[in-house]
Amino acid sequence: MAKIQKTAFEERITNSPFDALANVTGVFLNKDGKPEICPAGFLVKQGENLPCEGYEDHLKNQGSWYMQAAGAGDLVNVPIFACNTHNVSQMMQGDVVRKIGPETLGLEAAEGETVTYTRIFFDGVHTYRFGVGNAAGEVGENKFFTIADGLMVPAAAAPTGNGVPYFKLVDTGSFEEGNRASFGYVDVVACVAMGAASSGTADPDNP
């Protein structure tokens, strides 16, 4: 995967301190099942459990997973996670993984490296902050985002299919972290379309 500029992810309103499965360990794989870098905030689904180091042939780690890009066909009743590299202090230069200083906002997960993946709760309450690079296209006047190929797709209206998760825009601005040039963010509430019997409740403002 080519690097995607200006990607980032932060939790804003969340119940994750009380949910042991809200933050899990994973390694990102591309569509061919090969390890690849993963941008911050990239939206993924779980695959098989990771093997235990040193016991790759027969033991799996039940608390960690291979991750792959979330697409439209995966969204109903499938847990969706975001690559959360906010505390990762390493980056790839070519084939070399280098440790860096404290400026960690927006770093991608290095190829083959384990990082945290944070579950997105589509309940109309949990709020998340993504970099503008996590949107596949200009936001403009759009107030909603669907999900395709790991990115948020700006949309003029919320989806109508039962159980389809989406994001609703609540704020925009610029990151003010560290001493480097900043970039824009979007704050979004994770919602699910009305009539769902899935992992959350609907957005009452957009039936």
Protein backbone atom coordinates (compact mmCIF):
# COMPACT_ATOMS: atom_id res chain seq x y z
CA MET A 1 0.00 0.00 0.00
CA ALA A 2 1.25 3.47 -0.81
CA LYS A 3 1.47 5.93 2.06
CA ILE A 4 -1.63 8.06 2.58
CA GLN A 5 -0.92 11.61 3.67
CA LYS A 6 -2.60 13.25 6.67
CA THR A 7 -4.18 10.19 8.29
CA ALA A 8 -4.72 10.01 12.07
CA PHE A 9 -7.04 8.60 14.71
CA GLU A 10 -8.00 9.44 18.30
CA GLU A 11 -10.81 8.29 20.58
CA ARG A 12 -12.87 11.20 21.88
CA ILE A 13 -15.87 9.76 23.80
CA THR A 14 -15.54 6.08 24.57
CA ASN A 15 -16.20 3.30 27.05
CA SER A 16 -12.99 1.47 26.16
CA PRO A 17 -11.42 1.52 29.68
CA PHE A 18 -14.20 -0.89 30.69
CA ASP A 19 -14.11 -3.07 27.59
CA ALA A 20 -11.13 -5.40 27.38
CA LEU A 21 -11.79 -6.11 23.70
CA ALA A 22 -12.02 -2.46 22.64
CA ASN A 23 -8.27 -2.32 22.02
CA VAL A 24 -6.65 -5.41 20.52
CA THR A 25 -3.33 -6.29 18.92
CA GLY A 26 -3.07 -6.91 15.22
CA VAL A 27 -0.92 -7.10 12.11
CA PHE A 28 -2.25 -5.62 8.87
CA LEU A 29 -2.41 -7.72 5.70
CA ASN A 30 -3.20 -6.52 2.18
CA LYS A 31 -5.73 -8.13 -0.19
CA ASP A 32 -3.13 -10.74 -1.13
CA GLY A 33 -2.62 -11.74 2.52
CA LYS A 34 0.83 -10.13 2.74
CA PRO A 35 2.02 -7.83 5.56
CA GLU A 36 1.87 -4.16 4.59
CA ILE A 37 2.00 -0.75 6.25
CA CYS A 38 -1.31 0.43 7.73
CA PRO A 39 -2.23 4.14 7.93
CA ALA A 40 -3.42 5.57 11.24
CA GLY A 41 -7.19 5.39 11.46
CA PHE A 42 -7.47 2.88 8.61
CA LEU A 43 -10.69 0.89 9.09
CA VAL A 44 -10.24 -2.87 9.25
CA LYS A 45 -11.92 -6.17 10.09
CA GLN A 46 -10.48 -9.13 11.99
CA GLY A 47 -9.11 -12.19 10.24
CA GLU A 48 -7.37 -15.22 11.74
CA ASN A 49 -5.62 -15.12 15.10
CA LEU A 50 -1.91 -14.35 15.05
CA PRO A 51 0.43 -17.27 15.73
CA CYS A 52 2.36 -17.30 18.99
CA GLU A 53 5.99 -16.37 18.36
CA GLY A 54 8.14 -19.45 18.36
CA TYR A 55 5.09 -21.72 17.96
CA GLU A 56 3.85 -20.53 14.57
CA ASP A 57 2.99 -24.01 13.32
CA HIS A 58 0.42 -24.97 15.94
CA LEU A 59 -0.37 -22.29 18.55
CA LYS A 60 -2.51 -19.21 18.00
CA ASN A 61 -2.76 -16.09 20.16
CA GLN A 62 -6.46 -15.72 20.93
CA GLY A 63 -6.02 -12.06 21.87
CA SER A 64 -4.50 -10.84 18.59
CA TRP A 65 -5.50 -10.97 14.93
CA TYR A 66 -4.49 -10.40 11.37
CA MET A 67 -6.38 -7.36 10.09
CA GLN A 68 -7.59 -6.49 6.60
CA ALA A 69 -9.33 -3.49 5.07
CA ALA A 70 -13.03 -3.15 5.86
CA GLY A 71 -15.26 -2.91 2.80
CA ALA A 72 -18.94 -2.34 2.15
CA GLY A 73 -19.67 -6.07 2.06
CA ASP A 74 -18.24 -6.57 5.57
CA LEU A 75 -20.17 -3.96 7.46
CA VAL A 76 -23.36 -5.53 8.81
CA ASN A 77 -22.77 -7.34 12.13
CA VAL A 78 -19.00 -7.41 11.60
CA PRO A 79 -16.80 -5.64 14.20
CA ILE A 80 -14.88 -2.73 12.66
CA PHE A 81 -11.57 -1.51 14.11
CA ALA A 82 -9.34 1.50 13.43
CA CYS A 83 -5.56 1.34 13.32
CA ASN A 84 -4.55 3.25 16.45
CA THR A 85 -0.88 4.25 16.27
CA HIS A 86 -1.13 7.25 18.59
CA ASN A 87 1.54 5.88 20.94
CA VAL A 88 3.70 4.13 18.33
CA SER A 89 7.12 5.74 17.96
CA GLN A 90 8.46 3.98 14.90
CA MET A 91 8.22 4.35 11.15
CA MET A 92 9.48 2.62 8.02
CA GLN A 93 12.08 4.06 5.66
CA GLY A 94 12.31 1.59 2.82
CA ASP A 95 12.62 -1.83 4.45
CA VAL A 96 14.05 -0.43 7.69
CA VAL A 97 11.91 0.21 10.80
CA ARG A 98 13.32 3.19 12.71
CA LYS A 99 12.54 4.34 16.23
CA ILE A 100 11.79 8.05 16.47
CA GLY A 101 10.99 10.67 19.10
CA PRO A 102 7.64 11.58 20.69
CA GLU A 103 5.98 12.99 17.55
CA THR A 104 3.66 10.04 17.01
CA LEU A 105 0.46 11.59 15.62
CA GLY A 106 -0.37 10.17 12.21
CA LEU A 107 2.38 7.57 11.95
CA GLU A 108 1.43 4.46 10.01
CA ALA A 109 1.95 0.96 11.40
CA ALA A 110 5.13 -0.51 9.97
CA GLU A 111 4.88 -3.56 7.72
CA GLY A 112 4.54 -6.78 9.75
CA GLU A 113 4.61 -4.95 13.10
CA THR A 114 1.97 -5.47 15.79
CA VAL A 115 0.06 -2.34 16.86
CA THR A 116 -3.20 -1.52 18.61
CA TYR A 117 -6.49 -1.67 16.74
CA THR A 118 -9.40 0.07 18.44
CA ARG A 119 -12.95 -1.16 17.93
CA ILE A 120 -15.42 1.38 16.62
CA PHE A 121 -18.73 1.26 18.48
CA PHE A 122 -21.56 2.29 16.16
CA ASP A 123 -24.03 3.32 18.84
CA GLY A 124 -24.71 7.00 18.17
CA VAL A 125 -22.60 7.96 21.21
CA HIS A 126 -18.96 7.02 20.67
CA THR A 127 -17.07 9.87 18.99
CA TYR A 128 -13.77 9.58 17.12
CA ARG A 129 -11.27 11.94 15.51
CA PHE A 130 -9.75 11.08 12.14
CA GLY A 131 -7.29 12.93 9.96
CA VAL A 132 -8.66 14.48 6.79
CA GLY A 133 -6.61 11.91 4.90
CA ASN A 134 -8.86 9.17 6.27
CA ALA A 135 -11.65 10.51 4.05
CA ALA A 136 -11.68 9.24 0.48
CA GLY A 137 -12.31 12.62 -1.13
CA GLU A 138 -13.13 16.15 -0.06
CA VAL A 139 -15.65 16.48 2.76
CA GLY A 140 -17.14 19.71 1.47
CA GLU A 141 -20.75 20.13 2.55
CA ASN A 142 -21.18 16.42 3.26
CA LYS A 143 -22.17 15.52 6.83
CA PHE A 144 -21.98 11.72 6.63
CA PHE A 145 -19.41 9.06 5.82
CA THR A 146 -19.85 5.50 4.67
CA ILE A 147 -16.98 2.97 4.65
CA ALA A 148 -15.14 1.47 1.68
CA ASP A 149 -11.65 -0.06 1.39
CA GLY A 150 -10.67 1.07 4.87
CA LEU A 151 -11.50 4.74 4.34
CA MET A 152 -14.46 7.00 5.09
CA VAL A 153 -16.41 8.04 2.00
CA PRO A 154 -18.14 11.45 2.23
CA ALA A 155 -21.88 11.31 1.55
CA ALA A 156 -24.72 13.81 1.51
CA ALA A 157 -27.07 11.52 3.45
CA ALA A 158 -26.92 8.61 5.86
CA PRO A 159 -27.30 5.09 4.42
CA THR A 160 -30.70 3.43 4.72
CA GLY A 161 -29.87 -0.29 4.75
CA ASN A 162 -30.61 -2.10 8.00
CA GLY A 163 -27.55 -2.43 10.22
CA VAL A 164 -25.21 -0.46 7.95
CA PRO A 165 -22.73 1.53 10.06
CA TYR A 166 -21.68 5.04 9.15
CA PHE A 167 -20.22 8.20 10.67
CA LYS A 168 -21.88 11.57 11.21
CA LEU A 169 -19.74 14.71 11.14
CA VAL A 170 -19.85 16.81 14.33
CA ASP A 171 -16.76 19.04 14.09
CA THR A 172 -13.68 19.93 12.06
CA GLY A 173 -10.43 21.65 12.89
CA SER A 174 -6.65 21.29 12.91
CA PHE A 175 -4.57 19.07 15.16
CA GLU A 176 -2.51 21.04 17.69
CA GLU A 177 -0.05 18.41 18.88
CA GLY A 178 3.73 18.59 18.95
CA ASN A 179 5.91 21.11 17.18
CA ARG A 180 5.51 20.07 13.57
CA ALA A 181 3.15 21.33 10.87
CA SER A 182 -0.41 20.32 11.65
CA PHE A 183 -3.17 19.02 9.42
CA GLY A 184 -6.93 18.92 9.56
CA TYR A 185 -9.22 16.53 11.42
CA VAL A 186 -12.85 15.49 11.37
CA ASP A 187 -14.72 14.53 14.55
CA VAL A 188 -17.45 11.98 13.87
CA VAL A 189 -20.09 10.07 15.80
CA ALA A 190 -20.30 6.36 14.90
CA CYS A 191 -23.92 5.49 14.04
CA VAL A 192 -25.86 2.64 12.45
CA ALA A 193 -28.81 2.85 10.08
CA MET A 194 -32.33 2.66 11.53
CA GLY A 195 -34.07 -0.67 11.92
CA ALA A 196 -30.84 -2.51 12.74
CA ALA A 197 -30.60 -5.40 15.12
CA SER A 198 -26.82 -5.22 15.14
CA SER A 199 -24.04 -3.66 17.19
CA GLY A 200 -25.57 -0.33 18.07
CA THR A 201 -28.50 2.07 17.95
CA ALA A 202 -29.58 4.30 15.13
CA ASP A 203 -28.84 7.96 14.69
CA PRO A 204 -32.08 9.59 15.83
CA ASP A 205 -31.44 12.71 13.74
CA ASN A 206 -31.35 10.79 10.47
CA PRO A 207 -34.01 8.07 10.26
